[in-house]
């Protein structure tokens, strides 16, 4: 279950940022450190959310999580329509 987390879009962007930082002539410390921090965070997320306990906790509250998020997005969509901010 860890493979989807390590090959996701955000993780690949972190890898790309790290590679670009290393490939540039004289990589800046800031670029390399940001890429390393991002990669470390994504690895930690992958490890944390691939555990049995995390999967079980999500499955137990999946209906509530989806309901709350649906409500938040519906509210945001209605607000954009009513205020004329929809593009």
C-alpha atoms as a PDB file:
ATOM      1  CA  UNK A   1       0.000   0.000   0.000  1.00  0.00           C
ATOM      2  CA  UNK A   2       3.001   2.339   0.127  1.00  0.00           C
ATOM      3  CA  UNK A   3       3.590   2.395  -3.644  1.00  0.00           C
ATOM      4  CA  UNK A   4       0.728   4.806  -4.519  1.00  0.00           C
ATOM      5  CA  UNK A   5       2.041   7.289  -1.975  1.00  0.00           C
ATOM      6  CA  UNK A   6       5.585   7.153  -3.313  1.00  0.00           C
ATOM      7  CA  UNK A   7       4.538   7.501  -6.954  1.00  0.00           C
ATOM      8  CA  UNK A   8       1.856  10.196  -6.531  1.00  0.00           C
ATOM      9  CA  UNK A   9       1.961  13.543  -8.293  1.00  0.00           C
ATOM     10  CA  UNK A  10       3.101  15.511  -5.252  1.00  0.00           C
ATOM     11  CA  UNK A  11       5.911  13.095  -4.505  1.00  0.00           C
ATOM     12  CA  UNK A  12       7.080  13.158  -8.107  1.00  0.00           C
ATOM     13  CA  UNK A  13       7.113  16.959  -7.992  1.00  0.00           C
ATOM     14  CA  UNK A  14       9.251  16.788  -4.864  1.00  0.00           C
ATOM     15  CA  UNK A  15      11.671  14.440  -6.645  1.00  0.00           C
ATOM     16  CA  UNK A  16      11.770  16.789  -9.642  1.00  0.00           C
ATOM     17  CA  UNK A  17      12.491  19.791  -7.416  1.00  0.00           C
ATOM     18  CA  UNK A  18      15.316  17.864  -5.792  1.00  0.00           C
ATOM     19  CA  UNK A  19      16.739  16.800  -9.177  1.00  0.00           C
ATOM     20  CA  UNK A  20      16.544  20.340 -10.578  1.00  0.00           C
ATOM     21  CA  UNK A  21      18.251  21.707  -7.486  1.00  0.00           C
ATOM     22  CA  UNK A  22      21.096  19.218  -7.866  1.00  0.00           C
ATOM     23  CA  UNK A  23      21.415  19.614 -11.648  1.00  0.00           C
ATOM     24  CA  UNK A  24      21.801  23.379 -11.658  1.00  0.00           C
ATOM     25  CA  UNK A  25      25.335  24.743 -11.605  1.00  0.00           C
ATOM     26  CA  UNK A  26      26.084  25.460  -7.971  1.00  0.00           C
ATOM     27  CA  UNK A  27      22.803  24.329  -6.384  1.00  0.00           C
ATOM     28  CA  UNK A  28      21.601  26.670  -3.731  1.00  0.00           C
ATOM     29  CA  UNK A  29      21.312  25.411  -0.203  1.00  0.00           C
ATOM     30  CA  UNK A  30      17.705  26.624  -0.057  1.00  0.00           C
ATOM     31  CA  UNK A  31      16.588  24.614  -3.115  1.00  0.00           C
ATOM     32  CA  UNK A  32      18.273  21.440  -1.924  1.00  0.00           C
ATOM     33  CA  UNK A  33      17.011  21.767   1.635  1.00  0.00           C
ATOM     34  CA  UNK A  34      13.428  22.489   0.500  1.00  0.00           C
ATOM     35  CA  UNK A  35      13.476  19.466  -1.786  1.00  0.00           C
ATOM     36  CA  UNK A  36      14.909  17.269   0.963  1.00  0.00           C
ATOM     37  CA  UNK A  37      12.308  18.455   3.459  1.00  0.00           C
ATOM     38  CA  UNK A  38       9.488  17.858   0.960  1.00  0.00           C
ATOM     39  CA  UNK A  39      10.716  14.375   0.119  1.00  0.00           C
ATOM     40  CA  UNK A  40      11.070  13.528   3.813  1.00  0.00           C
ATOM     41  CA  UNK A  41       7.555  14.732   4.564  1.00  0.00           C
ATOM     42  CA  UNK A  42       6.087  12.719   1.682  1.00  0.00           C
ATOM     43  CA  UNK A  43       7.935   9.599   2.827  1.00  0.00           C
ATOM     44  CA  UNK A  44       6.599  10.097   6.353  1.00  0.00           C
ATOM     45  CA  UNK A  45       3.043  10.560   5.019  1.00  0.00           C
ATOM     46  CA  UNK A  46       3.422   7.412   2.938  1.00  0.00           C
ATOM     47  CA  UNK A  47       4.599   5.397   5.904  1.00  0.00           C
ATOM     48  CA  UNK A  48       2.016   6.822   8.310  1.00  0.00           C
ATOM     49  CA  UNK A  49      -1.017   6.389   6.063  1.00  0.00           C
ATOM     50  CA  UNK A  50      -0.070   2.946   4.770  1.00  0.00           C
ATOM     51  CA  UNK A  51      -0.326   1.360   8.220  1.00  0.00           C
ATOM     52  CA  UNK A  52      -3.179  -0.913   9.174  1.00  0.00           C
ATOM     53  CA  UNK A  53      -4.268   1.455  11.945  1.00  0.00           C
ATOM     54  CA  UNK A  54      -4.562   4.426   9.571  1.00  0.00           C
ATOM     55  CA  UNK A  55      -6.531   2.423   7.010  1.00  0.00           C
ATOM     56  CA  UNK A  56      -8.838   1.114   9.725  1.00  0.00           C
ATOM     57  CA  UNK A  57      -9.397   4.602  11.167  1.00  0.00           C
ATOM     58  CA  UNK A  58     -10.242   6.005   7.736  1.00  0.00           C
ATOM     59  CA  UNK A  59     -12.602   3.169   6.912  1.00  0.00           C
ATOM     60  CA  UNK A  60     -14.355   3.640  10.242  1.00  0.00           C
ATOM     61  CA  UNK A  61     -14.970   7.335   9.575  1.00  0.00           C
ATOM     62  CA  UNK A  62     -15.086   7.303   5.779  1.00  0.00           C
ATOM     63  CA  UNK A  63     -18.766   8.188   5.523  1.00  0.00           C
ATOM     64  CA  UNK A  64     -18.381  11.150   7.896  1.00  0.00           C
ATOM     65  CA  UNK A  65     -15.205  12.388   6.214  1.00  0.00           C
ATOM     66  CA  UNK A  66     -16.862  12.278   2.786  1.00  0.00           C
ATOM     67  CA  UNK A  67     -20.034  13.947   4.091  1.00  0.00           C
ATOM     68  CA  UNK A  68     -18.125  16.807   5.719  1.00  0.00           C
ATOM     69  CA  UNK A  69     -15.961  17.386   2.643  1.00  0.00           C
ATOM     70  CA  UNK A  70     -19.014  17.274   0.370  1.00  0.00           C
ATOM     71  CA  UNK A  71     -20.645  19.911   2.555  1.00  0.00           C
ATOM     72  CA  UNK A  72     -17.567  22.131   2.506  1.00  0.00           C
ATOM     73  CA  UNK A  73     -17.247  21.968  -1.272  1.00  0.00           C
ATOM     74  CA  UNK A  74     -20.991  22.488  -1.791  1.00  0.00           C
ATOM     75  CA  UNK A  75     -20.894  25.548   0.474  1.00  0.00           C
ATOM     76  CA  UNK A  76     -17.872  26.964  -1.365  1.00  0.00           C
ATOM     77  CA  UNK A  77     -19.516  26.352  -4.749  1.00  0.00           C
ATOM     78  CA  UNK A  78     -22.769  28.024  -3.743  1.00  0.00           C
ATOM     79  CA  UNK A  79     -20.891  30.992  -2.272  1.00  0.00           C
ATOM     80  CA  UNK A  80     -18.933  31.449  -5.516  1.00  0.00           C
ATOM     81  CA  UNK A  81     -22.110  31.291  -7.576  1.00  0.00           C
ATOM     82  CA  UNK A  82     -23.932  33.752  -5.362  1.00  0.00           C
ATOM     83  CA  UNK A  83     -21.091  36.260  -5.174  1.00  0.00           C
ATOM     84  CA  UNK A  84     -20.248  36.088  -8.876  1.00  0.00           C
ATOM     85  CA  UNK A  85     -16.734  34.813  -8.264  1.00  0.00           C
ATOM     86  CA  UNK A  86     -17.124  31.673 -10.373  1.00  0.00           C
ATOM     87  CA  UNK A  87     -14.919  31.715 -13.446  1.00  0.00           C
END
